[in-house]
Amino acid sequence: MQTITPDEVAVRLNKEEVLDIIDVREAAEAAEGKIPGALNIPLGLLEFKKQDLDKRHEYILVCRSGARSGQAAQFLLDQGFIVKNMKGGMLAWAGMLE
């Protein structure tokens, strides 16, 4: 599974790249602050929401520490999606929040 660092995500966002970021934390966790533009799909709902995703897009998966997003990334990878897991999760994120 490919990974991406929080700094790499921040650089891409600062270049105004359109990123497909999926935050797999629970809604209450994401409500405390998430990466701008990230879509919140809790890990437990990902299986039911995968049909709304496009296999031609690269998705960056994020959670609190990187463990749940690693599970989500592996699940989507097994389904044929292009994914990267953000190392360290939101604990390592120093960028802006929404």
N, C-alpha and C. Protein backbone atom coordinates (compact mmCIF):
# COMPACT_ATOMS: atom_id res chain seq x y z
N MET A 1 0.85 -1.18 0.00
CA MET A 1 0.00 0.00 0.00
C MET A 1 0.89 1.24 0.00
N GLN A 2 0.53 2.19 -0.83
CA GLN A 2 1.28 3.44 -0.88
C GLN A 2 0.87 4.36 0.26
N THR A 3 1.83 5.16 0.70
CA THR A 3 1.54 6.13 1.75
C THR A 3 1.92 7.52 1.26
N ILE A 4 1.45 8.51 1.99
CA ILE A 4 1.77 9.90 1.72
C ILE A 4 1.92 10.59 3.07
N THR A 5 2.83 11.52 3.17
CA THR A 5 3.03 12.21 4.44
C THR A 5 2.08 13.40 4.54
N PRO A 6 1.80 13.83 5.77
CA PRO A 6 0.98 15.04 5.93
C PRO A 6 1.59 16.25 5.22
N ASP A 7 2.92 16.35 5.24
CA ASP A 7 3.57 17.47 4.56
C ASP A 7 3.34 17.42 3.05
N GLU A 8 3.38 16.22 2.48
CA GLU A 8 3.12 16.09 1.04
C GLU A 8 1.68 16.49 0.70
N VAL A 9 0.75 16.11 1.56
CA VAL A 9 -0.65 16.51 1.35
C VAL A 9 -0.76 18.03 1.43
N ALA A 10 -0.12 18.63 2.42
CA ALA A 10 -0.17 20.09 2.58
C ALA A 10 0.41 20.81 1.37
N VAL A 11 1.51 20.32 0.85
CA VAL A 11 2.13 20.94 -0.34
C VAL A 11 1.17 20.87 -1.52
N ARG A 12 0.56 19.72 -1.72
CA ARG A 12 -0.38 19.57 -2.84
C ARG A 12 -1.59 20.48 -2.65
N LEU A 13 -2.07 20.61 -1.43
CA LEU A 13 -3.20 21.52 -1.18
C LEU A 13 -2.79 22.97 -1.40
N ASN A 14 -1.57 23.33 -0.99
CA ASN A 14 -1.09 24.70 -1.17
C ASN A 14 -0.91 25.05 -2.65
N LYS A 15 -0.67 24.04 -3.48
CA LYS A 15 -0.58 24.24 -4.92
C LYS A 15 -1.96 24.27 -5.56
N GLU A 16 -2.97 24.20 -4.70
CA GLU A 16 -4.38 24.21 -5.10
C GLU A 16 -4.73 23.03 -6.00
N GLU A 17 -4.04 21.91 -5.79
CA GLU A 17 -4.42 20.68 -6.47
C GLU A 17 -5.75 20.20 -5.89
N VAL A 18 -6.55 19.64 -6.75
CA VAL A 18 -7.79 19.04 -6.27
C VAL A 18 -7.44 17.64 -5.77
N LEU A 19 -7.66 17.42 -4.48
CA LEU A 19 -7.36 16.13 -3.88
C LEU A 19 -8.65 15.47 -3.41
N ASP A 20 -8.72 14.18 -3.59
CA ASP A 20 -9.85 13.41 -3.07
C ASP A 20 -9.40 12.78 -1.76
N ILE A 21 -9.73 13.45 -0.67
CA ILE A 21 -9.34 12.99 0.67
C ILE A 21 -10.57 12.43 1.36
N ILE A 22 -10.44 11.23 1.89
CA ILE A 22 -11.53 10.60 2.64
C ILE A 22 -11.08 10.45 4.08
N ASP A 23 -11.82 11.09 4.97
CA ASP A 23 -11.57 11.01 6.40
C ASP A 23 -12.48 9.91 6.95
N VAL A 24 -11.88 8.82 7.43
CA VAL A 24 -12.67 7.66 7.86
C VAL A 24 -12.96 7.66 9.37
N ARG A 25 -12.70 8.79 10.02
CA ARG A 25 -13.05 8.87 11.44
C ARG A 25 -14.56 8.97 11.59
N GLU A 26 -15.03 8.73 12.79
CA GLU A 26 -16.46 8.89 13.08
C GLU A 26 -16.84 10.35 12.91
N ALA A 27 -18.11 10.62 12.63
CA ALA A 27 -18.58 11.97 12.35
C ALA A 27 -18.24 12.94 13.48
N ALA A 28 -18.36 12.51 14.72
CA ALA A 28 -18.06 13.38 15.86
C ALA A 28 -16.58 13.78 15.88
N GLU A 29 -15.71 12.85 15.51
CA GLU A 29 -14.28 13.15 15.46
C GLU A 29 -13.98 14.15 14.34
N ALA A 30 -14.56 13.91 13.17
CA ALA A 30 -14.33 14.80 12.03
C ALA A 30 -14.89 16.18 12.28
N ALA A 31 -15.96 16.27 13.06
CA ALA A 31 -16.58 17.56 13.37
C ALA A 31 -15.65 18.45 14.19
N GLU A 32 -14.69 17.84 14.86
CA GLU A 32 -13.73 18.62 15.64
C GLU A 32 -12.69 19.29 14.76
N GLY A 33 -12.64 18.92 13.50
CA GLY A 33 -11.72 19.51 12.54
C GLY A 33 -11.19 18.47 11.58
N LYS A 34 -11.25 18.80 10.30
CA LYS A 34 -10.74 17.89 9.29
C LYS A 34 -9.98 18.69 8.24
N ILE A 35 -9.26 18.00 7.39
CA ILE A 35 -8.52 18.64 6.32
C ILE A 35 -9.52 19.30 5.38
N PRO A 36 -9.28 20.56 4.99
CA PRO A 36 -10.22 21.25 4.11
C PRO A 36 -10.53 20.43 2.85
N GLY A 37 -11.82 20.28 2.59
CA GLY A 37 -12.27 19.55 1.41
C GLY A 37 -12.41 18.06 1.59
N ALA A 38 -11.98 17.53 2.73
CA ALA A 38 -12.06 16.09 2.95
C ALA A 38 -13.50 15.65 3.09
N LEU A 39 -13.78 14.49 2.56
CA LEU A 39 -15.11 13.88 2.65
C LEU A 39 -15.09 12.93 3.84
N ASN A 40 -16.04 13.07 4.74
CA ASN A 40 -16.10 12.18 5.90
C ASN A 40 -16.97 10.97 5.58
N ILE A 41 -16.32 9.81 5.52
CA ILE A 41 -17.03 8.52 5.38
C ILE A 41 -16.46 7.62 6.48
N PRO A 42 -17.17 7.48 7.61
CA PRO A 42 -16.66 6.61 8.67
C PRO A 42 -16.32 5.21 8.16
N LEU A 43 -15.29 4.63 8.72
CA LEU A 43 -14.81 3.32 8.28
C LEU A 43 -15.94 2.30 8.17
N GLY A 44 -16.84 2.29 9.14
CA GLY A 44 -17.93 1.32 9.13
C GLY A 44 -18.92 1.50 7.99
N LEU A 45 -18.91 2.66 7.35
CA LEU A 45 -19.83 2.91 6.24
C LEU A 45 -19.16 2.83 4.88
N LEU A 46 -17.86 2.67 4.86
CA LEU A 46 -17.12 2.71 3.60
C LEU A 46 -17.58 1.64 2.61
N GLU A 47 -17.86 0.46 3.12
CA GLU A 47 -18.32 -0.63 2.24
C GLU A 47 -19.60 -0.24 1.51
N PHE A 48 -20.46 0.51 2.16
CA PHE A 48 -21.75 0.89 1.58
C PHE A 48 -21.65 2.14 0.71
N LYS A 49 -20.58 2.91 0.86
CA LYS A 49 -20.41 4.15 0.10
C LYS A 49 -19.44 4.00 -1.07
N LYS A 50 -18.79 2.85 -1.19
CA LYS A 50 -17.77 2.70 -2.23
C LYS A 50 -18.33 2.88 -3.64
N GLN A 51 -19.60 2.59 -3.83
CA GLN A 51 -20.18 2.75 -5.17
C GLN A 51 -20.27 4.23 -5.57
N ASP A 52 -20.14 5.14 -4.61
CA ASP A 52 -20.16 6.57 -4.90
C ASP A 52 -18.77 7.10 -5.29
N LEU A 53 -17.76 6.25 -5.22
CA LEU A 53 -16.39 6.64 -5.52
C LEU A 53 -16.02 6.26 -6.95
N ASP A 54 -15.05 6.95 -7.52
CA ASP A 54 -14.62 6.76 -8.90
C ASP A 54 -13.26 6.05 -8.91
N LYS A 55 -13.19 4.89 -9.53
CA LYS A 55 -11.94 4.12 -9.55
C LYS A 55 -10.84 4.79 -10.37
N ARG A 56 -11.17 5.83 -11.11
CA ARG A 56 -10.16 6.56 -11.89
C ARG A 56 -9.46 7.63 -11.06
N HIS A 57 -9.98 7.93 -9.87
CA HIS A 57 -9.41 8.96 -9.00
C HIS A 57 -8.49 8.33 -7.97
N GLU A 58 -7.50 9.10 -7.54
CA GLU A 58 -6.66 8.68 -6.43
C GLU A 58 -7.27 9.23 -5.14
N TYR A 59 -7.41 8.38 -4.15
CA TYR A 59 -7.97 8.78 -2.87
C TYR A 59 -6.89 8.74 -1.79
N ILE A 60 -6.88 9.77 -0.97
CA ILE A 60 -5.99 9.81 0.18
C ILE A 60 -6.86 9.54 1.40
N LEU A 61 -6.50 8.51 2.16
CA LEU A 61 -7.28 8.10 3.33
C LEU A 61 -6.64 8.64 4.59
N VAL A 62 -7.49 9.17 5.49
CA VAL A 62 -7.03 9.81 6.72
C VAL A 62 -7.89 9.35 7.89
N CYS A 63 -7.25 9.19 9.04
CA CYS A 63 -7.99 8.95 10.29
C CYS A 63 -7.22 9.67 11.40
N ARG A 64 -7.43 9.29 12.62
CA ARG A 64 -6.76 9.95 13.74
C ARG A 64 -5.26 9.68 13.74
N SER A 65 -4.87 8.39 13.63
CA SER A 65 -3.46 8.03 13.75
C SER A 65 -2.88 7.31 12.53
N GLY A 66 -3.73 6.86 11.64
CA GLY A 66 -3.27 6.14 10.45
C GLY A 66 -3.67 4.68 10.42
N ALA A 67 -4.18 4.15 11.54
CA ALA A 67 -4.55 2.72 11.60
C ALA A 67 -5.85 2.44 10.85
N ARG A 68 -6.91 3.17 11.19
CA ARG A 68 -8.20 2.94 10.51
C ARG A 68 -8.11 3.28 9.03
N SER A 69 -7.38 4.35 8.71
CA SER A 69 -7.24 4.71 7.31
C SER A 69 -6.43 3.65 6.56
N GLY A 70 -5.52 2.99 7.25
CA GLY A 70 -4.78 1.88 6.64
C GLY A 70 -5.71 0.74 6.29
N GLN A 71 -6.64 0.43 7.19
CA GLN A 71 -7.64 -0.60 6.92
C GLN A 71 -8.52 -0.20 5.74
N ALA A 72 -8.94 1.06 5.74
CA ALA A 72 -9.80 1.57 4.67
C ALA A 72 -9.06 1.55 3.33
N ALA A 73 -7.79 1.96 3.35
CA ALA A 73 -7.00 1.97 2.12
C ALA A 73 -6.85 0.56 1.57
N GLN A 74 -6.58 -0.40 2.45
CA GLN A 74 -6.43 -1.79 1.99
C GLN A 74 -7.74 -2.31 1.42
N PHE A 75 -8.86 -1.99 2.08
CA PHE A 75 -10.17 -2.41 1.59
C PHE A 75 -10.41 -1.86 0.19
N LEU A 76 -10.19 -0.55 0.01
CA LEU A 76 -10.43 0.06 -1.30
C LEU A 76 -9.44 -0.45 -2.35
N LEU A 77 -8.19 -0.65 -1.95
CA LEU A 77 -7.19 -1.20 -2.86
C LEU A 77 -7.64 -2.58 -3.37
N ASP A 78 -8.16 -3.40 -2.46
CA ASP A 78 -8.67 -4.73 -2.84
C ASP A 78 -9.86 -4.65 -3.79
N GLN A 79 -10.56 -3.50 -3.76
CA GLN A 79 -11.73 -3.30 -4.63
C GLN A 79 -11.33 -2.65 -5.97
N GLY A 80 -10.04 -2.40 -6.16
CA GLY A 80 -9.57 -1.84 -7.42
C GLY A 80 -9.40 -0.33 -7.45
N PHE A 81 -9.41 0.32 -6.28
CA PHE A 81 -9.25 1.77 -6.22
C PHE A 81 -7.78 2.14 -6.10
N ILE A 82 -7.46 3.37 -6.48
CA ILE A 82 -6.12 3.92 -6.33
C ILE A 82 -6.12 4.70 -5.02
N VAL A 83 -5.28 4.29 -4.07
CA VAL A 83 -5.33 4.89 -2.74
C VAL A 83 -3.94 5.12 -2.17
N LYS A 84 -3.87 6.07 -1.25
CA LYS A 84 -2.68 6.30 -0.43
C LYS A 84 -3.17 6.54 1.00
N ASN A 85 -2.43 6.01 1.96
CA ASN A 85 -2.75 6.21 3.37
C ASN A 85 -1.85 7.33 3.90
N MET A 86 -2.46 8.33 4.56
CA MET A 86 -1.66 9.42 5.13
C MET A 86 -1.02 8.96 6.44
N LYS A 87 0.30 8.95 6.45
CA LYS A 87 1.07 8.51 7.62
C LYS A 87 0.78 9.40 8.82
N GLY A 88 0.56 8.78 9.96
CA GLY A 88 0.40 9.52 11.21
C GLY A 88 -0.97 10.13 11.42
N GLY A 89 -1.80 10.11 10.39
CA GLY A 89 -3.16 10.62 10.51
C GLY A 89 -3.23 12.07 10.95
N MET A 90 -4.37 12.42 11.53
CA MET A 90 -4.60 13.80 11.94
C MET A 90 -3.71 14.22 13.11
N LEU A 91 -3.18 13.25 13.85
CA LEU A 91 -2.24 13.58 14.92
C LEU A 91 -0.97 14.22 14.35
N ALA A 92 -0.64 13.89 13.10
CA ALA A 92 0.55 14.43 12.45
C ALA A 92 0.25 15.63 11.56
N TRP A 93 -1.02 15.95 11.38
CA TRP A 93 -1.42 17.05 10.49
C TRP A 93 -1.21 18.39 11.20
N ALA A 94 -0.44 19.27 10.56
CA ALA A 94 -0.20 20.60 11.12
C ALA A 94 -0.85 21.70 10.29
N GLY A 95 -1.55 21.30 9.24
CA GLY A 95 -2.17 22.28 8.35
C GLY A 95 -3.49 22.80 8.87
N MET A 96 -4.16 23.56 8.01
CA MET A 96 -5.44 24.15 8.36
C MET A 96 -6.50 23.07 8.55
N LEU A 97 -7.54 23.44 9.29
CA LEU A 97 -8.67 22.57 9.52
C LEU A 97 -9.94 23.30 9.12
N GLU A 98 -10.94 22.52 8.77
CA GLU A 98 -12.27 23.10 8.54
C GLU A 98 -13.24 22.43 9.45
